[in-house]
C-alpha atoms as a PDB file:
ATOM      1  CA  UNK A   1     -71.747 110.567-173.214  1.00  0.00           C
ATOM      2  CA  UNK A   2     -69.232 112.558-175.512  1.00  0.00           C
ATOM      3  CA  UNK A   3     -66.574 110.403-177.013  1.00  0.00           C
ATOM      4  CA  UNK A   4     -63.371 112.554-177.189  1.00  0.00           C
ATOM      5  CA  UNK A   5     -60.987 109.432-178.243  1.00  0.00           C
ATOM      6  CA  UNK A   6     -60.068 108.458-181.755  1.00  0.00           C
ATOM      7  CA  UNK A   7     -63.047 107.747-183.944  1.00  0.00           C
ATOM      8  CA  UNK A   8     -61.239 105.642-186.865  1.00  0.00           C
ATOM      9  CA  UNK A   9     -58.300 103.377-187.526  1.00  0.00           C
ATOM     10  CA  UNK A  10     -57.651 102.955-191.345  1.00  0.00           C
ATOM     11  CA  UNK A  11     -54.265 101.679-190.533  1.00  0.00           C
ATOM     12  CA  UNK A  12     -55.709  98.500-189.089  1.00  0.00           C
ATOM     13  CA  UNK A  13     -56.827  97.481-192.874  1.00  0.00           C
ATOM     14  CA  UNK A  14     -54.977  94.118-193.459  1.00  0.00           C
ATOM     15  CA  UNK A  15     -54.341  93.382-189.437  1.00  0.00           C
ATOM     16  CA  UNK A  16     -55.552  90.773-187.564  1.00  0.00           C
ATOM     17  CA  UNK A  17     -58.992  91.070-186.579  1.00  0.00           C
ATOM     18  CA  UNK A  18     -58.675  90.285-182.667  1.00  0.00           C
ATOM     19  CA  UNK A  19     -55.017  92.363-182.818  1.00  0.00           C
ATOM     20  CA  UNK A  20     -56.715  95.638-184.279  1.00  0.00           C
ATOM     21  CA  UNK A  21     -59.499  94.959-181.949  1.00  0.00           C
ATOM     22  CA  UNK A  22     -57.359  95.650-178.971  1.00  0.00           C
ATOM     23  CA  UNK A  23     -55.338  97.904-180.833  1.00  0.00           C
ATOM     24  CA  UNK A  24     -58.709 100.191-180.525  1.00  0.00           C
ATOM     25  CA  UNK A  25     -59.733  99.564-177.189  1.00  0.00           C
ATOM     26  CA  UNK A  26     -56.177 100.475-176.371  1.00  0.00           C
ATOM     27  CA  UNK A  27     -56.240 103.844-178.383  1.00  0.00           C
ATOM     28  CA  UNK A  28     -60.018 104.562-176.919  1.00  0.00           C
ATOM     29  CA  UNK A  29     -61.054 102.747-173.834  1.00  0.00           C
ATOM     30  CA  UNK A  30     -64.525 104.364-174.355  1.00  0.00           C
ATOM     31  CA  UNK A  31     -65.280 102.018-176.884  1.00  0.00           C
ATOM     32  CA  UNK A  32     -65.978  98.149-177.454  1.00  0.00           C
ATOM     33  CA  UNK A  33     -64.565  96.709-180.523  1.00  0.00           C
ATOM     34  CA  UNK A  34     -66.341  94.089-182.366  1.00  0.00           C
ATOM     35  CA  UNK A  35     -64.495  91.803-184.460  1.00  0.00           C
ATOM     36  CA  UNK A  36     -67.538  90.424-187.235  1.00  0.00           C
ATOM     37  CA  UNK A  37     -67.146  88.622-190.148  1.00  0.00           C
ATOM     38  CA  UNK A  38     -68.108  90.424-193.573  1.00  0.00           C
ATOM     39  CA  UNK A  39     -71.740  89.622-194.810  1.00  0.00           C
ATOM     40  CA  UNK A  40     -72.984  89.531-191.338  1.00  0.00           C
ATOM     41  CA  UNK A  41     -76.086  91.320-190.389  1.00  0.00           C
ATOM     42  CA  UNK A  42     -75.031  93.926-187.616  1.00  0.00           C
ATOM     43  CA  UNK A  43     -77.819  96.648-185.841  1.00  0.00           C
ATOM     44  CA  UNK A  44     -78.367  99.952-187.909  1.00  0.00           C
ATOM     45  CA  UNK A  45     -78.547 101.993-184.816  1.00  0.00           C
ATOM     46  CA  UNK A  46     -75.728 104.449-184.192  1.00  0.00           C
ATOM     47  CA  UNK A  47     -73.572 104.062-180.841  1.00  0.00           C
ATOM     48  CA  UNK A  48     -70.534 106.424-180.037  1.00  0.00           C
ATOM     49  CA  UNK A  49     -68.881 103.197-177.747  1.00  0.00           C
ATOM     50  CA  UNK A  50     -69.129 100.338-180.621  1.00  0.00           C
ATOM     51  CA  UNK A  51     -66.607  99.888-183.273  1.00  0.00           C
ATOM     52  CA  UNK A  52     -67.366  96.919-185.854  1.00  0.00           C
ATOM     53  CA  UNK A  53     -64.312  95.000-187.004  1.00  0.00           C
ATOM     54  CA  UNK A  54     -64.913  93.722-190.052  1.00  0.00           C
ATOM     55  CA  UNK A  55     -62.872  90.742-191.166  1.00  0.00           C
ATOM     56  CA  UNK A  56     -62.835  88.186-193.792  1.00  0.00           C
ATOM     57  CA  UNK A  57     -62.410  84.090-193.416  1.00  0.00           C
ATOM     58  CA  UNK A  58     -59.015  84.398-192.731  1.00  0.00           C
ATOM     59  CA  UNK A  59     -59.476  87.285-189.530  1.00  0.00           C
ATOM     60  CA  UNK A  60     -57.775  89.929-191.492  1.00  0.00           C
ATOM     61  CA  UNK A  61     -59.731  93.652-191.332  1.00  0.00           C
ATOM     62  CA  UNK A  62     -60.751  94.480-194.450  1.00  0.00           C
ATOM     63  CA  UNK A  63     -62.533  97.814-194.206  1.00  0.00           C
ATOM     64  CA  UNK A  64     -61.439 100.855-191.745  1.00  0.00           C
ATOM     65  CA  UNK A  65     -63.227 100.323-188.633  1.00  0.00           C
ATOM     66  CA  UNK A  66     -64.908 103.128-187.254  1.00  0.00           C
ATOM     67  CA  UNK A  67     -67.228 103.983-184.867  1.00  0.00           C
ATOM     68  CA  UNK A  68     -70.534 103.108-185.774  1.00  0.00           C
END
């Protein structure tokens, strides 16, 4: 699968995680945005249809969501 949609969202750092995930999936419907707490272990494989949305304990995005 070739992904031709947007692949990073630096403008979402500081946004609420769930809202950020919805924006990501709206702007690139080929990906699944997954909200995840900082420090949680994740698989290291690359998938062109996955975006980790890293949040702190307040649910705020802490780093640029990118396709990983």
